[in-house]
Amino acid sequence: GKEALGLLIDYAFHRLQLHQLYANIDTGNV
């Protein structure tokens, strides 16, 4: 998951030129 998330963040910021990403996470999902 760590490697996949890193790859997609890089793609989003550098290829898609996004300014921000967000995630909705259950407060109990440590």
All heavy atoms as atom14 arrays in JSON, in Angstrom:
{
  "sequence": "GKEALGLLIDYAFHRLQLHQLYANIDTGNV",
  "atom14_mask": [
    [1, 1, 1, 1, 0, 0, 0, 0, 0, 0, 0, 0, 0, 0],
    [1, 1, 1, 1, 1, 1, 1, 1, 1, 0, 0, 0, 0, 0],
    [1, 1, 1, 1, 1, 1, 1, 1, 1, 0, 0, 0, 0, 0],
    [1, 1, 1, 1, 1, 0, 0, 0, 0, 0, 0, 0, 0, 0],
    [1, 1, 1, 1, 1, 1, 1, 1, 0, 0, 0, 0, 0, 0],
    [1, 1, 1, 1, 0, 0, 0, 0, 0, 0, 0, 0, 0, 0],
    [1, 1, 1, 1, 1, 1, 1, 1, 0, 0, 0, 0, 0, 0],
    [1, 1, 1, 1, 1, 1, 1, 1, 0, 0, 0, 0, 0, 0],
    [1, 1, 1, 1, 1, 1, 1, 1, 0, 0, 0, 0, 0, 0],
    [1, 1, 1, 1, 1, 1, 1, 1, 0, 0, 0, 0, 0, 0],
    [1, 1, 1, 1, 1, 1, 1, 1, 1, 1, 1, 1, 0, 0],
    [1, 1, 1, 1, 1, 0, 0, 0, 0, 0, 0, 0, 0, 0],
    [1, 1, 1, 1, 1, 1, 1, 1, 1, 1, 1, 0, 0, 0],
    [1, 1, 1, 1, 1, 1, 1, 1, 1, 1, 0, 0, 0, 0],
    [1, 1, 1, 1, 1, 1, 1, 1, 1, 1, 1, 0, 0, 0],
    [1, 1, 1, 1, 1, 1, 1, 1, 0, 0, 0, 0, 0, 0],
    [1, 1, 1, 1, 1, 1, 1, 1, 1, 0, 0, 0, 0, 0],
    [1, 1, 1, 1, 1, 1, 1, 1, 0, 0, 0, 0, 0, 0],
    [1, 1, 1, 1, 1, 1, 1, 1, 1, 1, 0, 0, 0, 0],
    [1, 1, 1, 1, 1, 1, 1, 1, 1, 0, 0, 0, 0, 0],
    [1, 1, 1, 1, 1, 1, 1, 1, 0, 0, 0, 0, 0, 0],
    [1, 1, 1, 1, 1, 1, 1, 1, 1, 1, 1, 1, 0, 0],
    [1, 1, 1, 1, 1, 0, 0, 0, 0, 0, 0, 0, 0, 0],
    [1, 1, 1, 1, 1, 1, 1, 1, 0, 0, 0, 0, 0, 0],
    [1, 1, 1, 1, 1, 1, 1, 1, 0, 0, 0, 0, 0, 0],
    [1, 1, 1, 1, 1, 1, 1, 1, 0, 0, 0, 0, 0, 0],
    [1, 1, 1, 1, 1, 1, 1, 0, 0, 0, 0, 0, 0, 0],
    [1, 1, 1, 1, 0, 0, 0, 0, 0, 0, 0, 0, 0, 0],
    [1, 1, 1, 1, 1, 1, 1, 1, 0, 0, 0, 0, 0, 0],
    [1, 1, 1, 1, 1, 1, 1, 0, 0, 0, 0, 0, 0, 0]
  ],
  "atom14_positions": [
    [[0.81, -1.21, 0.0], [0.0, 0.0, 0.0], [0.85, 1.26, 0.0], [0.54, 2.23, -0.7], [0.0, 0.0, 0.0], [0.0, 0.0, 0.0], [0.0, 0.0, 0.0], [0.0, 0.0, 0.0], [0.0, 0.0, 0.0], [0.0, 0.0, 0.0], [0.0, 0.0, 0.0], [0.0, 0.0, 0.0], [0.0, 0.0, 0.0], [0.0, 0.0, 0.0]],
    [[1.93, 1.23, 0.75], [2.82, 2.39, 0.82], [3.43, 2.69, -0.55], [3.46, 3.84, -0.99], [3.92, 2.13, 1.85], [4.87, 3.28, 2.03], [5.9, 2.98, 3.09], [6.85, 4.15, 3.28], [7.85, 3.88, 4.3], [0.0, 0.0, 0.0], [0.0, 0.0, 0.0], [0.0, 0.0, 0.0], [0.0, 0.0, 0.0], [0.0, 0.0, 0.0]],
    [[3.89, 1.66, -1.21], [4.5, 1.86, -2.53], [3.45, 2.33, -3.54], [3.7, 3.23, -4.34], [5.19, 0.58, -3.0], [6.07, 0.8, -4.2], [6.95, -0.4, -4.54], [7.0, -1.37, -3.77], [7.59, -0.35, -5.6], [0.0, 0.0, 0.0], [0.0, 0.0, 0.0], [0.0, 0.0, 0.0], [0.0, 0.0, 0.0], [0.0, 0.0, 0.0]],
    [[2.27, 1.73, -3.51], [1.2, 2.11, -4.44], [0.77, 3.55, -4.21], [0.62, 4.32, -5.17], [0.01, 1.17, -4.28], [0.0, 0.0, 0.0], [0.0, 0.0, 0.0], [0.0, 0.0, 0.0], [0.0, 0.0, 0.0], [0.0, 0.0, 0.0], [0.0, 0.0, 0.0], [0.0, 0.0, 0.0], [0.0, 0.0, 0.0], [0.0, 0.0, 0.0]],
    [[0.6, 3.94, -2.96], [0.2, 5.31, -2.65], [1.26, 6.3, -3.1], [0.94, 7.33, -3.7], [-0.1, 5.46, -1.15], [-0.67, 6.8, -0.71], [-1.97, 7.14, -1.45], [-0.9, 6.81, 0.8], [0.0, 0.0, 0.0], [0.0, 0.0, 0.0], [0.0, 0.0, 0.0], [0.0, 0.0, 0.0], [0.0, 0.0, 0.0], [0.0, 0.0, 0.0]],
    [[2.51, 5.98, -2.89], [3.6, 6.85, -3.33], [3.6, 7.04, -4.84], [3.78, 8.16, -5.34], [0.0, 0.0, 0.0], [0.0, 0.0, 0.0], [0.0, 0.0, 0.0], [0.0, 0.0, 0.0], [0.0, 0.0, 0.0], [0.0, 0.0, 0.0], [0.0, 0.0, 0.0], [0.0, 0.0, 0.0], [0.0, 0.0, 0.0], [0.0, 0.0, 0.0]],
    [[3.38, 5.95, -5.58], [3.33, 6.03, -7.04], [2.18, 6.91, -7.52], [2.34, 7.73, -8.42], [3.2, 4.63, -7.66], [4.43, 3.74, -7.61], [4.06, 2.31, -8.02], [5.53, 4.29, -8.5], [0.0, 0.0, 0.0], [0.0, 0.0, 0.0], [0.0, 0.0, 0.0], [0.0, 0.0, 0.0], [0.0, 0.0, 0.0], [0.0, 0.0, 0.0]],
    [[1.0, 6.73, -6.89], [-0.16, 7.5, -7.34], [-0.07, 8.97, -6.94], [-0.49, 9.85, -7.7], [-1.47, 6.88, -6.85], [-2.71, 7.35, -7.62], [-2.59, 7.08, -9.11], [-3.96, 6.73, -7.06], [0.0, 0.0, 0.0], [0.0, 0.0, 0.0], [0.0, 0.0, 0.0], [0.0, 0.0, 0.0], [0.0, 0.0, 0.0], [0.0, 0.0, 0.0]],
    [[0.5, 9.25, -5.78], [0.7, 10.65, -5.4], [1.63, 11.33, -6.39], [1.37, 12.44, -6.86], [1.26, 10.75, -3.96], [0.2, 10.36, -2.94], [1.79, 12.16, -3.68], [0.72, 10.19, -1.51], [0.0, 0.0, 0.0], [0.0, 0.0, 0.0], [0.0, 0.0, 0.0], [0.0, 0.0, 0.0], [0.0, 0.0, 0.0], [0.0, 0.0, 0.0]],
    [[2.72, 10.66, -6.74], [3.67, 11.22, -7.71], [2.98, 11.46, -9.05], [3.15, 12.52, -9.67], [4.87, 10.29, -7.86], [5.92, 10.86, -8.78], [6.55, 11.87, -8.41], [6.1, 10.31, -9.89], [0.0, 0.0, 0.0], [0.0, 0.0, 0.0], [0.0, 0.0, 0.0], [0.0, 0.0, 0.0], [0.0, 0.0, 0.0], [0.0, 0.0, 0.0]],
    [[2.2, 10.5, -9.5], [1.47, 10.64, -10.76], [0.49, 11.83, -10.7], [0.41, 12.64, -11.63], [0.72, 9.34, -11.06], [-0.13, 9.39, -12.3], [0.44, 9.23, -13.56], [-1.5, 9.58, -12.22], [-0.33, 9.27, -14.72], [-2.29, 9.62, -13.37], [-1.7, 9.47, -14.6], [-2.48, 9.51, -15.73], [0.0, 0.0, 0.0], [0.0, 0.0, 0.0]],
    [[-0.24, 11.93, -9.6], [-1.24, 13.0, -9.45], [-0.6, 14.38, -9.47], [-1.1, 15.3, -10.12], [-2.05, 12.78, -8.17], [0.0, 0.0, 0.0], [0.0, 0.0, 0.0], [0.0, 0.0, 0.0], [0.0, 0.0, 0.0], [0.0, 0.0, 0.0], [0.0, 0.0, 0.0], [0.0, 0.0, 0.0], [0.0, 0.0, 0.0], [0.0, 0.0, 0.0]],
    [[0.51, 14.53, -8.76], [1.13, 15.84, -8.65], [1.98, 16.19, -9.88], [2.0, 17.35, -10.3], [1.96, 15.94, -7.39], [1.15, 16.07, -6.12], [1.68, 15.68, -4.91], [-0.14, 16.57, -6.12], [0.96, 15.79, -3.73], [-0.89, 16.68, -4.97], [-0.33, 16.29, -3.77], [0.0, 0.0, 0.0], [0.0, 0.0, 0.0], [0.0, 0.0, 0.0]],
    [[2.67, 15.23, -10.44], [3.6, 15.54, -11.52], [3.05, 15.32, -12.92], [3.4, 16.07, -13.83], [4.92, 14.79, -11.31], [5.58, 15.2, -10.04], [5.6, 14.4, -8.93], [6.2, 16.36, -9.68], [6.21, 15.04, -7.95], [6.58, 16.23, -8.38], [0.0, 0.0, 0.0], [0.0, 0.0, 0.0], [0.0, 0.0, 0.0], [0.0, 0.0, 0.0]],
    [[2.21, 14.34, -13.13], [1.66, 14.1, -14.46], [0.32, 14.82, -14.64], [0.05, 15.38, -15.69], [1.47, 12.61, -14.72], [2.76, 11.8, -14.75], [3.4, 11.66, -16.1], [3.12, 10.6, -17.0], [3.12, 9.3, -16.77], [3.29, 8.83, -15.57], [2.9, 8.45, -17.75], [0.0, 0.0, 0.0], [0.0, 0.0, 0.0], [0.0, 0.0, 0.0]],
    [[-0.54, 14.76, -13.61], [-1.85, 15.41, -13.72], [-1.82, 16.86, -13.25], [-2.8, 17.58, -13.4], [-2.89, 14.63, -12.9], [-3.19, 13.21, -13.37], [-4.16, 12.54, -12.42], [-3.73, 13.21, -14.8], [0.0, 0.0, 0.0], [0.0, 0.0, 0.0], [0.0, 0.0, 0.0], [0.0, 0.0, 0.0], [0.0, 0.0, 0.0], [0.0, 0.0, 0.0]],
    [[-0.68, 17.26, -12.65], [-0.5, 18.64, -12.17], [-1.54, 19.06, -11.13], [-1.97, 20.21, -11.09], [-0.53, 19.63, -13.36], [0.55, 19.37, -14.4], [1.95, 19.55, -13.86], [2.25, 20.57, -13.27], [2.8, 18.55, -14.04], [0.0, 0.0, 0.0], [0.0, 0.0, 0.0], [0.0, 0.0, 0.0], [0.0, 0.0, 0.0], [0.0, 0.0, 0.0]],
    [[-1.95, 18.1, -10.27], [-2.91, 18.43, -9.22], [-2.23, 19.25, -8.14], [-1.03, 19.13, -7.9], [-3.51, 17.16, -8.62], [-4.39, 16.33, -9.55], [-5.02, 15.17, -8.8], [-5.47, 17.18, -10.21], [0.0, 0.0, 0.0], [0.0, 0.0, 0.0], [0.0, 0.0, 0.0], [0.0, 0.0, 0.0], [0.0, 0.0, 0.0], [0.0, 0.0, 0.0]],
    [[-3.03, 20.07, -7.48], [-2.55, 20.9, -6.38], [-2.76, 20.2, -5.04], [-1.99, 20.4, -4.11], [-3.28, 22.25, -6.4], [-2.96, 23.12, -5.23], [-1.7, 23.63, -5.0], [-3.75, 23.57, -4.23], [-1.72, 24.37, -3.9], [-2.95, 24.34, -3.41], [0.0, 0.0, 0.0], [0.0, 0.0, 0.0], [0.0, 0.0, 0.0], [0.0, 0.0, 0.0]],
    [[-3.81, 19.38, -4.97], [-4.08, 18.72, -3.7], [-4.82, 17.4, -3.87], [-5.53, 17.19, -4.84], [-4.86, 19.63, -2.75], [-6.22, 20.04, -3.25], [-6.91, 20.96, -2.27], [-7.32, 20.51, -1.2], [-7.02, 22.23, -2.62], [0.0, 0.0, 0.0], [0.0, 0.0, 0.0], [0.0, 0.0, 0.0], [0.0, 0.0, 0.0], [0.0, 0.0, 0.0]],
    [[-4.62, 16.53, -2.88], [-5.3, 15.25, -2.77], [-5.97, 15.21, -1.4], [-5.47, 15.82, -0.45], [-4.32, 14.1, -2.89], [-3.64, 13.93, -4.24], [-2.49, 12.93, -4.14], [-4.63, 13.51, -5.31], [0.0, 0.0, 0.0], [0.0, 0.0, 0.0], [0.0, 0.0, 0.0], [0.0, 0.0, 0.0], [0.0, 0.0, 0.0], [0.0, 0.0, 0.0]],
    [[-7.06, 14.46, -1.3], [-7.7, 14.3, 0.01], [-8.14, 12.85, 0.18], [-8.32, 12.12, -0.79], [-8.88, 15.26, 0.19], [-10.06, 14.98, -0.7], [-11.06, 14.1, -0.3], [-10.17, 15.59, -1.94], [-12.14, 13.83, -1.12], [-11.25, 15.33, -2.77], [-12.23, 14.46, -2.35], [-13.29, 14.19, -3.17], [0.0, 0.0, 0.0], [0.0, 0.0, 0.0]],
    [[-8.28, 12.46, 1.43], [-8.73, 11.11, 1.76], [-9.71, 11.2, 2.93], [-9.5, 11.98, 3.86], [-7.54, 10.24, 2.15], [0.0, 0.0, 0.0], [0.0, 0.0, 0.0], [0.0, 0.0, 0.0], [0.0, 0.0, 0.0], [0.0, 0.0, 0.0], [0.0, 0.0, 0.0], [0.0, 0.0, 0.0], [0.0, 0.0, 0.0], [0.0, 0.0, 0.0]],
    [[-10.76, 10.41, 2.85], [-11.74, 10.28, 3.93], [-11.44, 8.98, 4.66], [-11.5, 7.92, 4.05], [-13.16, 10.25, 3.36], [-13.5, 11.51, 2.6], [-13.47, 12.58, 3.15], [-13.81, 11.37, 1.32], [0.0, 0.0, 0.0], [0.0, 0.0, 0.0], [0.0, 0.0, 0.0], [0.0, 0.0, 0.0], [0.0, 0.0, 0.0], [0.0, 0.0, 0.0]],
    [[-11.13, 9.07, 5.96], [-10.7, 7.89, 6.69], [-11.45, 7.79, 8.02], [-11.51, 8.76, 8.78], [-9.17, 7.94, 6.98], [-8.38, 8.13, 5.68], [-8.72, 6.69, 7.71], [-6.9, 8.38, 5.88], [0.0, 0.0, 0.0], [0.0, 0.0, 0.0], [0.0, 0.0, 0.0], [0.0, 0.0, 0.0], [0.0, 0.0, 0.0], [0.0, 0.0, 0.0]],
    [[-11.99, 6.61, 8.29], [-12.63, 6.34, 9.58], [-11.62, 6.63, 10.69], [-10.46, 6.21, 10.6], [-13.07, 4.87, 9.61], [-13.79, 4.49, 10.89], [-13.17, 4.57, 11.97], [-14.95, 4.08, 10.79], [0.0, 0.0, 0.0], [0.0, 0.0, 0.0], [0.0, 0.0, 0.0], [0.0, 0.0, 0.0], [0.0, 0.0, 0.0], [0.0, 0.0, 0.0]],
    [[-12.04, 7.34, 11.7], [-11.11, 7.74, 12.77], [-10.55, 6.54, 13.53], [-9.53, 6.67, 14.21], [-11.77, 8.71, 13.76], [-12.96, 8.11, 14.29], [-12.11, 10.04, 13.08], [0.0, 0.0, 0.0], [0.0, 0.0, 0.0], [0.0, 0.0, 0.0], [0.0, 0.0, 0.0], [0.0, 0.0, 0.0], [0.0, 0.0, 0.0], [0.0, 0.0, 0.0]],
    [[-11.16, 5.39, 13.41], [-10.64, 4.18, 14.06], [-9.72, 3.35, 13.18], [-9.17, 2.35, 13.63], [0.0, 0.0, 0.0], [0.0, 0.0, 0.0], [0.0, 0.0, 0.0], [0.0, 0.0, 0.0], [0.0, 0.0, 0.0], [0.0, 0.0, 0.0], [0.0, 0.0, 0.0], [0.0, 0.0, 0.0], [0.0, 0.0, 0.0], [0.0, 0.0, 0.0]],
    [[-9.52, 3.76, 11.95], [-8.7, 3.0, 11.0], [-7.24, 3.46, 11.12], [-6.74, 4.23, 10.31], [-9.22, 3.18, 9.58], [-8.56, 2.26, 8.58], [-7.46, 1.76, 8.81], [-9.21, 2.06, 7.45], [0.0, 0.0, 0.0], [0.0, 0.0, 0.0], [0.0, 0.0, 0.0], [0.0, 0.0, 0.0], [0.0, 0.0, 0.0], [0.0, 0.0, 0.0]],
    [[-6.57, 2.95, 12.13], [-5.21, 3.38, 12.44], [-4.24, 3.08, 11.31], [-3.37, 3.89, 11.0], [-4.73, 2.73, 13.77], [-3.29, 3.07, 14.08], [-5.64, 3.14, 14.92], [0.0, 0.0, 0.0], [0.0, 0.0, 0.0], [0.0, 0.0, 0.0], [0.0, 0.0, 0.0], [0.0, 0.0, 0.0], [0.0, 0.0, 0.0], [0.0, 0.0, 0.0]]
  ]
}
